[in-house]
PDB file of N, CA and C in Angstrom:
ATOM      1  N   MET A   1      20.962 -16.799  22.143  1.00  0.00           N
ATOM      2  CA  MET A   1      21.156 -16.633  20.725  1.00  0.00           C
ATOM      3  C   MET A   1      22.111 -15.470  20.476  1.00  0.00           C
ATOM      4  N   LYS A   2      22.876 -15.603  19.433  1.00  0.00           N
ATOM      5  CA  LYS A   2      23.809 -14.544  19.099  1.00  0.00           C
ATOM      6  C   LYS A   2      23.094 -13.444  18.336  1.00  0.00           C
ATOM      7  N   GLN A   3      23.736 -12.284  18.216  1.00  0.00           N
ATOM      8  CA  GLN A   3      23.152 -11.154  17.504  1.00  0.00           C
ATOM      9  C   GLN A   3      22.973 -11.485  16.027  1.00  0.00           C
ATOM     10  N   ASP A   4      23.832 -12.349  15.472  1.00  0.00           N
ATOM     11  CA  ASP A   4      23.712 -12.725  14.063  1.00  0.00           C
ATOM     12  C   ASP A   4      22.412 -13.453  13.779  1.00  0.00           C
ATOM     13  N   ASP A   5      21.865 -14.135  14.797  1.00  0.00           N
ATOM     14  CA  ASP A   5      20.621 -14.880  14.600  1.00  0.00           C
ATOM     15  C   ASP A   5      19.468 -13.958  14.226  1.00  0.00           C
ATOM     16  N   ALA A   6      19.462 -12.755  14.764  1.00  0.00           N
ATOM     17  CA  ALA A   6      18.382 -11.814  14.490  1.00  0.00           C
ATOM     18  C   ALA A   6      18.516 -11.219  13.101  1.00  0.00           C
ATOM     19  N   GLU A   7      19.726 -11.259  12.527  1.00  0.00           N
ATOM     20  CA  GLU A   7      19.919 -10.677  11.209  1.00  0.00           C
ATOM     21  C   GLU A   7      19.558 -11.656  10.106  1.00  0.00           C
ATOM     22  N   GLN A   8      19.422 -12.926  10.415  1.00  0.00           N
ATOM     23  CA  GLN A   8      18.981 -13.899   9.429  1.00  0.00           C
ATOM     24  C   GLN A   8      17.462 -13.881   9.417  1.00  0.00           C
ATOM     25  N   LEU A   9      16.897 -13.442   8.288  1.00  0.00           N
ATOM     26  CA  LEU A   9      15.442 -13.346   8.206  1.00  0.00           C
ATOM     27  C   LEU A   9      14.822 -14.731   8.133  1.00  0.00           C
ATOM     28  N   ILE A  10      13.762 -14.902   8.885  1.00  0.00           N
ATOM     29  CA  ILE A  10      12.995 -16.138   8.815  1.00  0.00           C
ATOM     30  C   ILE A  10      11.626 -15.797   8.242  1.00  0.00           C
ATOM     31  N   GLU A  11      10.923 -16.783   7.762  1.00  0.00           N
ATOM     32  CA  GLU A  11       9.555 -16.570   7.264  1.00  0.00           C
ATOM     33  C   GLU A  11       8.636 -16.394   8.468  1.00  0.00           C
ATOM     34  N   LEU A  12       7.948 -15.269   8.494  1.00  0.00           N
ATOM     35  CA  LEU A  12       7.074 -14.978   9.632  1.00  0.00           C
ATOM     36  C   LEU A  12       5.752 -15.718   9.491  1.00  0.00           C
ATOM     37  N   PRO A  13       5.219 -16.243  10.605  1.00  0.00           N
ATOM     38  CA  PRO A  13       3.895 -16.862  10.570  1.00  0.00           C
ATOM     39  C   PRO A  13       2.823 -15.837  10.183  1.00  0.00           C
ATOM     40  N   GLU A  14       1.704 -16.315   9.677  1.00  0.00           N
ATOM     41  CA  GLU A  14       0.638 -15.428   9.198  1.00  0.00           C
ATOM     42  C   GLU A  14       0.075 -14.540  10.300  1.00  0.00           C
ATOM     43  N   ASP A  15      -0.055 -15.059  11.524  1.00  0.00           N
ATOM     44  CA  ASP A  15      -0.598 -14.226  12.592  1.00  0.00           C
ATOM     45  C   ASP A  15       0.351 -13.080  12.948  1.00  0.00           C
ATOM     46  N   VAL A  16       1.646 -13.315  12.796  1.00  0.00           N
ATOM     47  CA  VAL A  16       2.628 -12.257  13.029  1.00  0.00           C
ATOM     48  C   VAL A  16       2.504 -11.189  11.946  1.00  0.00           C
ATOM     49  N   LYS A  17       2.376 -11.629  10.688  1.00  0.00           N
ATOM     50  CA  LYS A  17       2.209 -10.679   9.582  1.00  0.00           C
ATOM     51  C   LYS A  17       0.918  -9.884   9.741  1.00  0.00           C
ATOM     52  N   ARG A  18      -0.123 -10.559  10.207  1.00  0.00           N
ATOM     53  CA  ARG A  18      -1.407  -9.878  10.417  1.00  0.00           C
ATOM     54  C   ARG A  18      -1.270  -8.781  11.476  1.00  0.00           C
ATOM     55  N   ALA A  19      -0.570  -9.095  12.570  1.00  0.00           N
ATOM     56  CA  ALA A  19      -0.351  -8.097  13.627  1.00  0.00           C
ATOM     57  C   ALA A  19       0.472  -6.927  13.093  1.00  0.00           C
ATOM     58  N   LEU A  20       1.470  -7.218  12.265  1.00  0.00           N
ATOM     59  CA  LEU A  20       2.263  -6.145  11.666  1.00  0.00           C
ATOM     60  C   LEU A  20       1.416  -5.284  10.736  1.00  0.00           C
ATOM     61  N   GLY A  21       0.528  -5.931   9.991  1.00  0.00           N
ATOM     62  CA  GLY A  21      -0.351  -5.193   9.096  1.00  0.00           C
ATOM     63  C   GLY A  21      -1.265  -4.243   9.842  1.00  0.00           C
ATOM     64  N   LEU A  22      -1.566  -4.558  11.081  1.00  0.00           N
ATOM     65  CA  LEU A  22      -2.403  -3.696  11.914  1.00  0.00           C
ATOM     66  C   LEU A  22      -1.573  -2.683  12.700  1.00  0.00           C
ATOM     67  N   GLY A  23      -0.243  -2.706  12.486  1.00  0.00           N
ATOM     68  CA  GLY A  23       0.626  -1.756  13.171  1.00  0.00           C
ATOM     69  C   GLY A  23       0.974  -2.140  14.594  1.00  0.00           C
ATOM     70  N   ARG A  24       0.814  -3.395  14.939  1.00  0.00           N
ATOM     71  CA  ARG A  24       1.064  -3.865  16.314  1.00  0.00           C
ATOM     72  C   ARG A  24       2.399  -4.604  16.381  1.00  0.00           C
ATOM     73  N   LYS A  25       3.488  -3.841  16.426  1.00  0.00           N
ATOM     74  CA  LYS A  25       4.817  -4.444  16.404  1.00  0.00           C
ATOM     75  C   LYS A  25       5.113  -5.239  17.663  1.00  0.00           C
ATOM     76  N   THR A  26       4.699  -4.732  18.814  1.00  0.00           N
ATOM     77  CA  THR A  26       4.969  -5.439  20.063  1.00  0.00           C
ATOM     78  C   THR A  26       4.227  -6.767  20.103  1.00  0.00           C
ATOM     79  N   GLU A  27       2.963  -6.743  19.679  1.00  0.00           N
ATOM     80  CA  GLU A  27       2.189  -7.985  19.628  1.00  0.00           C
ATOM     81  C   GLU A  27       2.815  -8.960  18.642  1.00  0.00           C
ATOM     82  N   ALA A  28       3.290  -8.450  17.497  1.00  0.00           N
ATOM     83  CA  ALA A  28       3.922  -9.309  16.500  1.00  0.00           C
ATOM     84  C   ALA A  28       5.178  -9.964  17.069  1.00  0.00           C
ATOM     85  N   ALA A  29       5.968  -9.203  17.819  1.00  0.00           N
ATOM     86  CA  ALA A  29       7.180  -9.762  18.416  1.00  0.00           C
ATOM     87  C   ALA A  29       6.837 -10.834  19.448  1.00  0.00           C
ATOM     88  N   THR A  30       5.799 -10.597  20.229  1.00  0.00           N
ATOM     89  CA  THR A  30       5.376 -11.594  21.222  1.00  0.00           C
ATOM     90  C   THR A  30       4.870 -12.862  20.543  1.00  0.00           C
ATOM     91  N   LEU A  31       4.087 -12.700  19.474  1.00  0.00           N
ATOM     92  CA  LEU A  31       3.597 -13.867  18.733  1.00  0.00           C
ATOM     93  C   LEU A  31       4.752 -14.647  18.112  1.00  0.00           C
ATOM     94  N   LEU A  32       5.741 -13.919  17.567  1.00  0.00           N
ATOM     95  CA  LEU A  32       6.906 -14.586  16.983  1.00  0.00           C
ATOM     96  C   LEU A  32       7.697 -15.324  18.060  1.00  0.00           C
ATOM     97  N   GLN A  33       7.826 -14.721  19.217  1.00  0.00           N
ATOM     98  CA  GLN A  33       8.529 -15.369  20.329  1.00  0.00           C
ATOM     99  C   GLN A  33       7.816 -16.660  20.727  1.00  0.00           C
ATOM    100  N   ASP A  34       6.487 -16.597  20.827  1.00  0.00           N
ATOM    101  CA  ASP A  34       5.715 -17.781  21.205  1.00  0.00           C
ATOM    102  C   ASP A  34       5.807 -18.878  20.146  1.00  0.00           C
ATOM    103  N   ALA A  35       5.799 -18.476  18.877  1.00  0.00           N
ATOM    104  CA  ALA A  35       5.796 -19.462  17.793  1.00  0.00           C
ATOM    105  C   ALA A  35       7.153 -20.135  17.608  1.00  0.00           C
ATOM    106  N   THR A  36       8.239 -19.401  17.874  1.00  0.00           N
ATOM    107  CA  THR A  36       9.565 -19.936  17.577  1.00  0.00           C
ATOM    108  C   THR A  36      10.384 -20.298  18.808  1.00  0.00           C
ATOM    109  N   GLY A  37      10.026 -19.742  19.972  1.00  0.00           N
ATOM    110  CA  GLY A  37      10.802 -20.004  21.168  1.00  0.00           C
ATOM    111  C   GLY A  37      12.026 -19.116  21.295  1.00  0.00           C
ATOM    112  N   MET A  38      12.193 -18.158  20.383  1.00  0.00           N
ATOM    113  CA  MET A  38      13.338 -17.243  20.481  1.00  0.00           C
ATOM    114  C   MET A  38      13.084 -16.213  21.566  1.00  0.00           C
ATOM    115  N   GLY A  39      14.134 -15.569  22.007  1.00  0.00           N
ATOM    116  CA  GLY A  39      14.003 -14.538  23.019  1.00  0.00           C
ATOM    117  C   GLY A  39      13.250 -13.325  22.482  1.00  0.00           C
ATOM    118  N   LEU A  40      12.702 -12.540  23.386  1.00  0.00           N
ATOM    119  CA  LEU A  40      11.912 -11.384  22.983  1.00  0.00           C
ATOM    120  C   LEU A  40      12.761 -10.354  22.250  1.00  0.00           C
ATOM    121  N   LEU A  41      13.990 -10.139  22.695  1.00  0.00           N
ATOM    122  CA  LEU A  41      14.860  -9.169  22.041  1.00  0.00           C
ATOM    123  C   LEU A  41      15.182  -9.605  20.613  1.00  0.00           C
ATOM    124  N   VAL A  42      15.440 -10.889  20.427  1.00  0.00           N
ATOM    125  CA  VAL A  42      15.718 -11.410  19.084  1.00  0.00           C
ATOM    126  C   VAL A  42      14.466 -11.311  18.224  1.00  0.00           C
ATOM    127  N   ALA A  43      13.306 -11.597  18.807  1.00  0.00           N
ATOM    128  CA  ALA A  43      12.054 -11.493  18.062  1.00  0.00           C
ATOM    129  C   ALA A  43      11.804 -10.055  17.621  1.00  0.00           C
ATOM    130  N   LYS A  44      12.096  -9.096  18.505  1.00  0.00           N
ATOM    131  CA  LYS A  44      11.933  -7.680  18.143  1.00  0.00           C
ATOM    132  C   LYS A  44      12.866  -7.303  17.002  1.00  0.00           C
ATOM    133  N   ARG A  45      14.091  -7.804  17.040  1.00  0.00           N
ATOM    134  CA  ARG A  45      15.034  -7.526  15.953  1.00  0.00           C
ATOM    135  C   ARG A  45      14.553  -8.157  14.649  1.00  0.00           C
ATOM    136  N   GLN A  46      13.999  -9.359  14.737  1.00  0.00           N
ATOM    137  CA  GLN A  46      13.445 -10.014  13.536  1.00  0.00           C
ATOM    138  C   GLN A  46      12.325  -9.167  12.934  1.00  0.00           C
ATOM    139  N   ILE A  47      11.460  -8.646  13.795  1.00  0.00           N
ATOM    140  CA  ILE A  47      10.348  -7.813  13.334  1.00  0.00           C
ATOM    141  C   ILE A  47      10.892  -6.555  12.664  1.00  0.00           C
ATOM    142  N   GLU A  48      11.868  -5.905  13.285  1.00  0.00           N
ATOM    143  CA  GLU A  48      12.455  -4.696  12.701  1.00  0.00           C
ATOM    144  C   GLU A  48      13.121  -5.003  11.365  1.00  0.00           C
ATOM    145  N   ASN A  49      13.843  -6.119  11.287  1.00  0.00           N
ATOM    146  CA  ASN A  49      14.478  -6.515  10.024  1.00  0.00           C
ATOM    147  C   ASN A  49      13.429  -6.793   8.950  1.00  0.00           C
ATOM    148  N   TYR A  50      12.349  -7.442   9.341  1.00  0.00           N
ATOM    149  CA  TYR A  50      11.280  -7.735   8.386  1.00  0.00           C
ATOM    150  C   TYR A  50      10.674  -6.435   7.858  1.00  0.00           C
ATOM    151  N   ILE A  51      10.434  -5.481   8.756  1.00  0.00           N
ATOM    152  CA  ILE A  51       9.858  -4.196   8.343  1.00  0.00           C
ATOM    153  C   ILE A  51      10.820  -3.466   7.404  1.00  0.00           C
ATOM    154  N   ASP A  52      12.120  -3.532   7.710  1.00  0.00           N
ATOM    155  CA  ASP A  52      13.104  -2.890   6.832  1.00  0.00           C
ATOM    156  C   ASP A  52      13.128  -3.524   5.445  1.00  0.00           C
ATOM    157  N   GLN A  53      12.965  -4.845   5.391  1.00  0.00           N
ATOM    158  CA  GLN A  53      13.010  -5.566   4.116  1.00  0.00           C
ATOM    159  C   GLN A  53      11.691  -5.501   3.353  1.00  0.00           C
ATOM    160  N   HIS A  54      10.584  -5.263   4.054  1.00  0.00           N
ATOM    161  CA  HIS A  54       9.247  -5.246   3.447  1.00  0.00           C
ATOM    162  C   HIS A  54       8.531  -3.945   3.811  1.00  0.00           C
ATOM    163  N   PRO A  55       8.954  -2.827   3.213  1.00  0.00           N
ATOM    164  CA  PRO A  55       8.282  -1.570   3.554  1.00  0.00           C
ATOM    165  C   PRO A  55       6.820  -1.599   3.132  1.00  0.00           C
ATOM    166  N   ALA A  56       6.015  -0.865   3.870  1.00  0.00           N
ATOM    167  CA  ALA A  56       4.583  -0.819   3.569  1.00  0.00           C
ATOM    168  C   ALA A  56       4.371  -0.112   2.230  1.00  0.00           C
ATOM    169  N   PRO A  57       3.405  -0.574   1.452  1.00  0.00           N
ATOM    170  CA  PRO A  57       3.122   0.108   0.188  1.00  0.00           C
ATOM    171  C   PRO A  57       2.577   1.506   0.450  1.00  0.00           C
ATOM    172  N   PRO A  58       2.794   2.419  -0.481  1.00  0.00           N
ATOM    173  CA  PRO A  58       2.272   3.773  -0.267  1.00  0.00           C
ATOM    174  C   PRO A  58       0.749   3.756  -0.237  1.00  0.00           C
ATOM    175  N   PRO A  59       0.154   4.689   0.508  1.00  0.00           N
ATOM    176  CA  PRO A  59      -1.306   4.705   0.577  1.00  0.00           C
ATOM    177  C   PRO A  59      -1.923   4.992  -0.788  1.00  0.00           C
ATOM    178  N   VAL A  60      -3.070   4.402  -1.014  1.00  0.00           N
ATOM    179  CA  VAL A  60      -3.777   4.577  -2.277  1.00  0.00           C
ATOM    180  C   VAL A  60      -4.528   5.900  -2.227  1.00  0.00           C
ATOM    181  N   GLU A  61      -4.354   6.692  -3.270  1.00  0.00           N
ATOM    182  CA  GLU A  61      -5.071   7.953  -3.339  1.00  0.00           C
ATOM    183  C   GLU A  61      -6.439   7.717  -3.957  1.00  0.00           C
ATOM    184  N   ASP A  62      -7.431   8.388  -3.418  1.00  0.00           N
ATOM    185  CA  ASP A  62      -8.803   8.204  -3.875  1.00  0.00           C
ATOM    186  C   ASP A  62      -9.184   9.256  -4.914  1.00  0.00           C
ATOM    187  N   ASP A  63      -8.426   9.324  -6.000  1.00  0.00           N
ATOM    188  CA  ASP A  63      -8.735  10.289  -7.048  1.00  0.00           C
ATOM    189  C   ASP A  63      -9.937   9.856  -7.866  1.00  0.00           C
ATOM    190  N   GLU A  64     -10.050   8.567  -8.109  1.00  0.00           N
ATOM    191  CA  GLU A  64     -11.142   8.059  -8.926  1.00  0.00           C
ATOM    192  C   GLU A  64     -12.192   7.400  -8.043  1.00  0.00           C
ATOM    193  N   PRO A  65     -13.459   7.675  -8.306  1.00  0.00           N
ATOM    194  CA  PRO A  65     -14.494   7.010  -7.516  1.00  0.00           C
ATOM    195  C   PRO A  65     -14.563   5.525  -7.860  1.00  0.00           C
ATOM    196  N   VAL A  66     -14.965   4.742  -6.903  1.00  0.00           N
ATOM    197  CA  VAL A  66     -15.119   3.309  -7.113  1.00  0.00           C
ATOM    198  C   VAL A  66     -16.414   3.082  -7.880  1.00  0.00           C
ATOM    199  N   PRO A  67     -16.362   2.338  -8.972  1.00  0.00           N
ATOM    200  CA  PRO A  67     -17.585   2.129  -9.756  1.00  0.00           C
ATOM    201  C   PRO A  67     -18.583   1.240  -9.007  1.00  0.00           C
ATOM    202  N   TYR A  68     -19.852   1.474  -9.286  1.00  0.00           N
ATOM    203  CA  TYR A  68     -20.900   0.653  -8.681  1.00  0.00           C
ATOM    204  C   TYR A  68     -20.916  -0.728  -9.321  1.00  0.00           C
ATOM    205  N   SER A  69     -21.263  -1.725  -8.539  1.00  0.00           N
ATOM    206  CA  SER A  69     -21.424  -3.062  -9.097  1.00  0.00           C
ATOM    207  C   SER A  69     -22.784  -3.143  -9.786  1.00  0.00           C
ATOM    208  N   ALA A  70     -23.013  -4.188 -10.540  1.00  0.00           N
ATOM    209  CA  ALA A  70     -24.276  -4.359 -11.251  1.00  0.00           C
ATOM    210  C   ALA A  70     -25.442  -4.432 -10.267  1.00  0.00           C
ATOM    211  N   ALA A  71     -25.252  -5.115  -9.150  1.00  0.00           N
ATOM    212  CA  ALA A  71     -26.320  -5.233  -8.151  1.00  0.00           C
ATOM    213  C   ALA A  71     -26.636  -3.871  -7.530  1.00  0.00           C
ATOM    214  N   GLN A  72     -25.611  -3.078  -7.288  1.00  0.00           N
ATOM    215  CA  GLN A  72     -25.838  -1.747  -6.723  1.00  0.00           C
ATOM    216  C   GLN A  72     -26.578  -0.851  -7.714  1.00  0.00           C
ATOM    217  N   ARG A  73     -26.244  -0.972  -8.998  1.00  0.00           N
ATOM    218  CA  ARG A  73     -26.943  -0.177 -10.015  1.00  0.00           C
ATOM    219  C   ARG A  73     -28.406  -0.567 -10.097  1.00  0.00           C
ATOM    220  N   LEU A  74     -28.698  -1.863 -10.074  1.00  0.00           N
ATOM    221  CA  LEU A  74     -30.085  -2.324 -10.140  1.00  0.00           C
ATOM    222  C   LEU A  74     -30.877  -1.855  -8.918  1.00  0.00           C
ATOM    223  N   LEU A  75     -30.263  -1.899  -7.757  1.00  0.00           N
ATOM    224  CA  LEU A  75     -30.919  -1.432  -6.546  1.00  0.00           C
ATOM    225  C   LEU A  75     -31.203   0.068  -6.623  1.00  0.00           C
ATOM    226  N   LEU A  76     -30.263   0.821  -7.132  1.00  0.00           N
ATOM    227  CA  LEU A  76     -30.450   2.258  -7.284  1.00  0.00           C
ATOM    228  C   LEU A  76     -31.593   2.566  -8.253  1.00  0.00           C
ATOM    229  N   ILE A  77     -31.654   1.849  -9.355  1.00  0.00           N
ATOM    230  CA  ILE A  77     -32.739   2.036 -10.329  1.00  0.00           C
ATOM    231  C   ILE A  77     -34.083   1.696  -9.697  1.00  0.00           C
ATOM    232  N   ALA A  78     -34.123   0.597  -8.936  1.00  0.00           N
ATOM    233  CA  ALA A  78     -35.373   0.194  -8.289  1.00  0.00           C
ATOM    234  C   ALA A  78     -35.834   1.250  -7.286  1.00  0.00           C
ATOM    235  N   VAL A  79     -34.923   1.809  -6.535  1.00  0.00           N
ATOM    236  CA  VAL A  79     -35.279   2.832  -5.552  1.00  0.00           C
ATOM    237  C   VAL A  79     -35.789   4.086  -6.246  1.00  0.00           C
ATOM    238  N   VAL A  80     -35.140   4.497  -7.315  1.00  0.00           N
ATOM    239  CA  VAL A  80     -35.567   5.681  -8.061  1.00  0.00           C
ATOM    240  C   VAL A  80     -36.947   5.454  -8.655  1.00  0.00           C
ATOM    241  N   LEU A  81     -37.185   4.288  -9.250  1.00  0.00           N
ATOM    242  CA  LEU A  81     -38.505   3.986  -9.814  1.00  0.00           C
ATOM    243  C   LEU A  81     -39.580   3.971  -8.733  1.00  0.00           C
ATOM    244  N   LEU A  82     -39.276   3.412  -7.595  1.00  0.00           N
ATOM    245  CA  LEU A  82     -40.223   3.372  -6.494  1.00  0.00           C
ATOM    246  C   LEU A  82     -40.561   4.777  -6.012  1.00  0.00           C
ATOM    247  N   LEU A  83     -39.565   5.620  -5.899  1.00  0.00           N
ATOM    248  CA  LEU A  83     -39.804   7.009  -5.499  1.00  0.00           C
ATOM    249  C   LEU A  83     -40.645   7.756  -6.537  1.00  0.00           C
ATOM    250  N   CYS A  84     -40.393   7.498  -7.802  1.00  0.00           N
ATOM    251  CA  CYS A  84     -41.197   8.126  -8.873  1.00  0.00           C
ATOM    252  C   CYS A  84     -42.664   7.684  -8.777  1.00  0.00           C
ATOM    253  N   LEU A  85     -42.866   6.393  -8.546  1.00  0.00           N
ATOM    254  CA  LEU A  85     -44.237   5.882  -8.412  1.00  0.00           C
ATOM    255  C   LEU A  85     -44.932   6.494  -7.205  1.00  0.00           C
ATOM    256  N   LEU A  86     -44.218   6.638  -6.116  1.00  0.00           N
ATOM    257  CA  LEU A  86     -44.806   7.255  -4.927  1.00  0.00           C
ATOM    258  C   LEU A  86     -45.193   8.711  -5.207  1.00  0.00           C
ATOM    259  N   LEU A  87     -44.380   9.438  -5.912  1.00  0.00           N
ATOM    260  CA  LEU A  87     -44.673  10.836  -6.236  1.00  0.00           C
ATOM    261  C   LEU A  87     -45.891  10.953  -7.158  1.00  0.00           C
ATOM    262  N   VAL A  88     -46.038  10.009  -8.072  1.00  0.00           N
ATOM    263  CA  VAL A  88     -47.151  10.055  -9.026  1.00  0.00           C
ATOM    264  C   VAL A  88     -48.470   9.753  -8.321  1.00  0.00           C
ATOM    265  N   PHE A  89     -48.484   8.775  -7.442  1.00  0.00           N
ATOM    266  CA  PHE A  89     -49.750   8.331  -6.834  1.00  0.00           C
ATOM    267  C   PHE A  89     -50.066   9.041  -5.526  1.00  0.00           C
ATOM    268  N   LEU A  90     -49.239   9.915  -5.031  1.00  0.00           N
ATOM    269  CA  LEU A  90     -49.555  10.624  -3.789  1.00  0.00           C
ATOM    270  C   LEU A  90     -50.025  12.008  -4.071  1.00  0.00           C
TER     271      LEU A  90
END
């Protein structure tokens, strides 16, 4: 394959994207090579081009606490009531 082949972006299979999401570039290149039959060097270039075109989103800052779900609130109330009952009868 020519060098131009690696510069043409192809749609990556889901397992390749999953490996990239986990930070496993070498595994992603191997999976892409297996799925498409392209050479490993071309697959690595495809992965690098994909990363350049699809930068990772910035990390989410945890400034706000995650709200409790309704089930979690009910469980918390039940536990508090149970503890209160135990304190009263012991």
